[in-house]
């Protein structure tokens, strides 16, 4: 079954000249693990747009929760650009754009989450194919998070491994555990029919679950 799906992906024509075959995520996993993913996830993470172009996903927040410490963590994170969800509203629109970044060879992710009152929250981060695990999420102000990807229950899962602070071009400092929010996990699971679920969760080794947000998306029609 896995080999059949792999063959299907290789031989599928690319009809849009702005789309390129992307093996950067595949290269971070054994072929056997990659082959256990649903074909829709394969295609989603094997589609690379030309430099400067974007793919847009539209959806709705279905779950949003934080405990008191998680709320304070999200507010404090505004000092480094606000990379964590600050609200707990559900059934509000959310848009994600993934833009190819020619300068870093990675992707810029922009998440726009609507609020019923006031301006939407906008979160920027960049996925770079670098660092100790081959993949890191850069949130700005020199702070990045090394990620390890895995396939769990037919979902593609991103686990935080370590956090670092880049000072200038040459100095990279590992952040001690007590300065980090804990284990961050992002899960991408396919729902069929073009829909997928994106779930973010932060669990602290001492204080338990701090933040959880889940939203359902589909690619916007071009």
Protein backbone atom coordinates (compact mmCIF):
# COMPACT_ATOMS: atom_id res chain seq x y z
CA UNK A 1 0.00 0.00 0.00
CA UNK A 2 2.76 2.45 0.94
CA UNK A 3 4.72 1.75 -2.26
CA UNK A 4 1.57 2.26 -4.34
CA UNK A 5 0.90 5.61 -2.73
CA UNK A 6 4.55 6.63 -3.19
CA UNK A 7 4.38 5.75 -6.87
CA UNK A 8 1.16 7.72 -7.25
CA UNK A 9 2.81 10.79 -5.74
CA UNK A 10 5.88 10.56 -7.95
CA UNK A 11 3.93 10.20 -11.16
CA UNK A 12 1.26 12.82 -10.46
CA UNK A 13 1.70 15.72 -12.90
CA UNK A 14 2.18 19.23 -11.58
CA UNK A 15 -0.37 21.29 -13.47
CA UNK A 16 0.49 24.65 -11.91
CA UNK A 17 3.86 25.98 -13.15
CA UNK A 18 4.32 27.80 -9.82
CA UNK A 19 4.37 24.48 -7.92
CA UNK A 20 7.53 22.45 -7.42
CA UNK A 21 8.16 19.00 -5.98
CA UNK A 22 9.32 19.37 -2.38
CA UNK A 23 11.17 16.58 -0.57
CA UNK A 24 12.41 18.65 2.37
CA UNK A 25 9.94 17.22 4.90
CA UNK A 26 10.17 13.72 3.43
CA UNK A 27 13.96 13.80 3.89
CA UNK A 28 13.51 14.17 7.66
CA UNK A 29 11.68 10.82 7.96
CA UNK A 30 12.45 7.23 7.00
CA UNK A 31 10.63 6.17 3.82
CA UNK A 32 8.63 3.62 5.82
CA UNK A 33 7.26 6.29 8.15
CA UNK A 34 6.53 8.70 5.32
CA UNK A 35 4.65 5.93 3.53
CA UNK A 36 2.26 5.57 6.49
CA UNK A 37 0.87 9.06 5.95
CA UNK A 38 -2.42 9.57 4.10
CA UNK A 39 -1.88 10.63 0.51
CA UNK A 40 -3.46 14.04 1.17
CA UNK A 41 -0.80 14.86 3.80
CA UNK A 42 1.90 13.62 1.44
CA UNK A 43 0.74 15.99 -1.23
CA UNK A 44 0.31 18.91 1.16
CA UNK A 45 3.88 18.63 2.45
CA UNK A 46 5.38 17.82 -0.94
CA UNK A 47 3.99 20.92 -2.66
CA UNK A 48 6.50 23.73 -2.86
CA UNK A 49 5.52 27.03 -4.39
CA UNK A 50 7.99 29.17 -6.28
CA UNK A 51 9.95 31.72 -4.24
CA UNK A 52 7.74 34.52 -2.96
CA UNK A 53 4.46 32.77 -3.75
CA UNK A 54 2.01 31.51 -1.12
CA UNK A 55 -0.48 28.77 -0.42
CA UNK A 56 -3.54 29.91 1.56
CA UNK A 57 -5.61 27.75 3.91
CA UNK A 58 -8.92 28.92 5.36
CA UNK A 59 -10.64 27.46 8.38
CA UNK A 60 -12.28 27.87 11.74
CA UNK A 61 -11.10 27.47 15.32
CA UNK A 62 -12.88 24.52 16.92
CA UNK A 63 -11.08 24.40 20.28
CA UNK A 64 -9.12 27.04 22.21
CA UNK A 65 -8.06 26.67 25.81
CA UNK A 66 -5.42 27.84 28.25
CA UNK A 67 -5.00 27.68 31.99
CA UNK A 68 -4.00 30.75 34.00
CA UNK A 69 -0.28 30.13 33.55
CA UNK A 70 -0.76 29.49 29.84
CA UNK A 71 -2.61 32.78 29.47
CA UNK A 72 0.24 34.68 31.17
CA UNK A 73 2.77 32.83 29.02
CA UNK A 74 0.98 33.90 25.83
CA UNK A 75 0.85 37.52 27.03
CA UNK A 76 4.54 37.51 27.98
CA UNK A 77 5.42 36.05 24.58
CA UNK A 78 4.18 39.28 23.01
CA UNK A 79 7.58 40.68 23.94
CA UNK A 80 9.10 38.43 21.25
CA UNK A 81 6.41 38.99 18.64
CA UNK A 82 3.44 37.10 20.11
CA UNK A 83 4.00 33.56 18.72
CA UNK A 84 1.31 31.94 20.92
CA UNK A 85 -2.49 32.21 20.73
CA UNK A 86 -3.75 34.79 23.20
CA UNK A 87 -7.50 34.18 22.89
CA UNK A 88 -9.85 31.32 23.68
CA UNK A 89 -12.71 32.10 21.29
CA UNK A 90 -14.04 29.27 19.15
CA UNK A 91 -16.06 29.24 15.91
CA UNK A 92 -14.07 32.20 14.64
CA UNK A 93 -12.33 32.27 11.22
CA UNK A 94 -8.63 31.50 10.91
CA UNK A 95 -6.38 31.85 7.86
CA UNK A 96 -2.90 30.38 7.37
CA UNK A 97 -0.56 31.39 4.55
CA UNK A 98 2.64 29.50 3.75
CA UNK A 99 5.10 31.57 1.73
CA UNK A 100 8.34 30.28 0.24
CA UNK A 101 11.32 32.25 1.58
CA UNK A 102 14.15 32.47 -0.93
CA UNK A 103 16.52 34.07 1.57
CA UNK A 104 16.49 31.20 4.11
CA UNK A 105 15.43 28.32 1.87
CA UNK A 106 12.50 27.73 4.23
CA UNK A 107 8.89 28.78 4.65
CA UNK A 108 7.22 31.75 6.31
CA UNK A 109 3.99 30.84 8.09
CA UNK A 110 1.44 33.57 8.86
CA UNK A 111 -1.60 32.73 10.99
CA UNK A 112 -4.49 35.19 11.23
CA UNK A 113 -7.05 34.40 13.90
CA UNK A 114 -10.20 36.52 14.03
CA UNK A 115 -11.74 37.88 17.20
CA UNK A 116 -15.34 38.85 17.77
CA UNK A 117 -14.16 42.14 19.22
CA UNK A 118 -11.13 43.99 17.92
CA UNK A 119 -8.43 43.23 15.40
CA UNK A 120 -7.40 39.65 14.58
CA UNK A 121 -4.27 38.21 16.14
CA UNK A 122 -1.50 37.76 13.58
CA UNK A 123 1.29 35.26 14.28
CA UNK A 124 4.43 35.05 12.15
CA UNK A 125 7.05 32.31 12.23
CA UNK A 126 9.48 30.71 9.81
CA UNK A 127 10.24 27.04 9.30
CA UNK A 128 13.90 26.63 8.43
CA UNK A 129 15.53 23.40 7.33
CA UNK A 130 18.49 23.81 9.65
CA UNK A 131 19.56 23.31 13.26
CA UNK A 132 20.33 20.15 15.24
CA UNK A 133 17.31 18.19 13.95
CA UNK A 134 17.25 19.56 10.40
CA UNK A 135 14.11 21.60 11.08
CA UNK A 136 13.54 24.60 13.32
CA UNK A 137 10.82 27.16 13.90
CA UNK A 138 12.07 30.72 14.14
CA UNK A 139 9.73 33.16 15.91
CA UNK A 140 11.83 36.31 15.84
CA UNK A 141 14.10 38.22 18.21
CA UNK A 142 16.75 35.51 17.72
CA UNK A 143 14.62 32.76 19.28
CA UNK A 144 14.14 29.44 17.55
CA UNK A 145 12.88 25.97 18.44
CA UNK A 146 14.35 22.76 17.05
CA UNK A 147 11.65 20.36 15.86
CA UNK A 148 11.55 16.62 15.37
CA UNK A 149 8.86 15.23 13.09
CA UNK A 150 7.19 11.86 13.41
CA UNK A 151 4.21 9.95 12.07
CA UNK A 152 1.72 9.05 14.79
CA UNK A 153 -1.69 7.48 14.09
CA UNK A 154 -1.41 8.53 10.41
CA UNK A 155 -0.82 12.16 11.40
CA UNK A 156 2.30 14.27 10.87
CA UNK A 157 3.47 15.48 14.28
CA UNK A 158 6.05 18.17 15.09
CA UNK A 159 7.67 17.90 18.54
CA UNK A 160 9.85 20.58 20.14
CA UNK A 161 13.28 19.29 21.10
CA UNK A 162 15.18 22.35 22.32
CA UNK A 163 15.11 26.14 22.27
CA UNK A 164 17.95 28.50 21.32
CA UNK A 165 18.83 32.18 21.15
CA UNK A 166 20.87 33.45 18.23
CA UNK A 167 23.04 36.47 19.03
CA UNK A 168 24.53 37.97 15.92
CA UNK A 169 25.71 35.63 13.19
CA UNK A 170 28.11 33.48 15.16
CA UNK A 171 26.80 33.01 18.70
CA UNK A 172 24.02 30.49 19.35
CA UNK A 173 22.99 29.85 22.96
CA UNK A 174 20.86 26.92 24.11
CA UNK A 175 18.11 28.09 26.47
CA UNK A 176 17.86 26.27 29.81
CA UNK A 177 14.71 24.25 30.45
CA UNK A 178 13.44 26.67 33.08
CA UNK A 179 13.34 29.44 30.45
CA UNK A 180 11.19 27.41 28.05
CA UNK A 181 7.42 26.85 28.04
CA UNK A 182 7.75 23.07 28.01
CA UNK A 183 6.98 20.54 25.30
CA UNK A 184 5.25 22.00 22.26
CA UNK A 185 3.49 19.65 19.85
CA UNK A 186 1.81 20.50 16.56
CA UNK A 187 -0.28 17.78 14.91
CA UNK A 188 -1.44 17.81 11.29
CA UNK A 189 -4.16 15.20 10.73
CA UNK A 190 -6.18 14.64 7.58
CA UNK A 191 -9.99 14.56 7.78
CA UNK A 192 -10.74 13.62 4.18
CA UNK A 193 -12.55 15.60 1.52
CA UNK A 194 -9.81 18.23 1.46
CA UNK A 195 -10.12 19.11 5.17
CA UNK A 196 -7.38 18.77 7.78
CA UNK A 197 -6.98 19.57 11.46
CA UNK A 198 -4.11 21.60 12.91
CA UNK A 199 -3.65 21.20 16.67
CA UNK A 200 -1.15 23.05 18.88
CA UNK A 201 -0.50 21.97 22.45
CA UNK A 202 2.02 23.03 25.10
CA UNK A 203 2.59 20.80 28.12
CA UNK A 204 4.91 21.88 30.94
CA UNK A 205 6.72 19.10 32.84
CA UNK A 206 5.60 20.56 36.17
CA UNK A 207 2.42 22.56 35.49
CA UNK A 208 0.81 20.28 32.92
CA UNK A 209 -1.11 21.43 29.86
CA UNK A 210 -0.82 25.20 29.41
CA UNK A 211 -2.31 25.88 25.97
CA UNK A 212 -4.30 23.94 23.40
CA UNK A 213 -5.73 25.22 20.13
CA UNK A 214 -7.29 23.23 17.30
CA UNK A 215 -8.66 24.42 13.97
CA UNK A 216 -9.98 22.77 10.80
CA UNK A 217 -8.75 24.04 7.42
CA UNK A 218 -8.92 23.48 3.70
CA UNK A 219 -6.91 25.01 0.90
CA UNK A 220 -8.47 28.18 -0.51
CA UNK A 221 -9.67 27.99 -4.09
CA UNK A 222 -7.37 29.79 -6.49
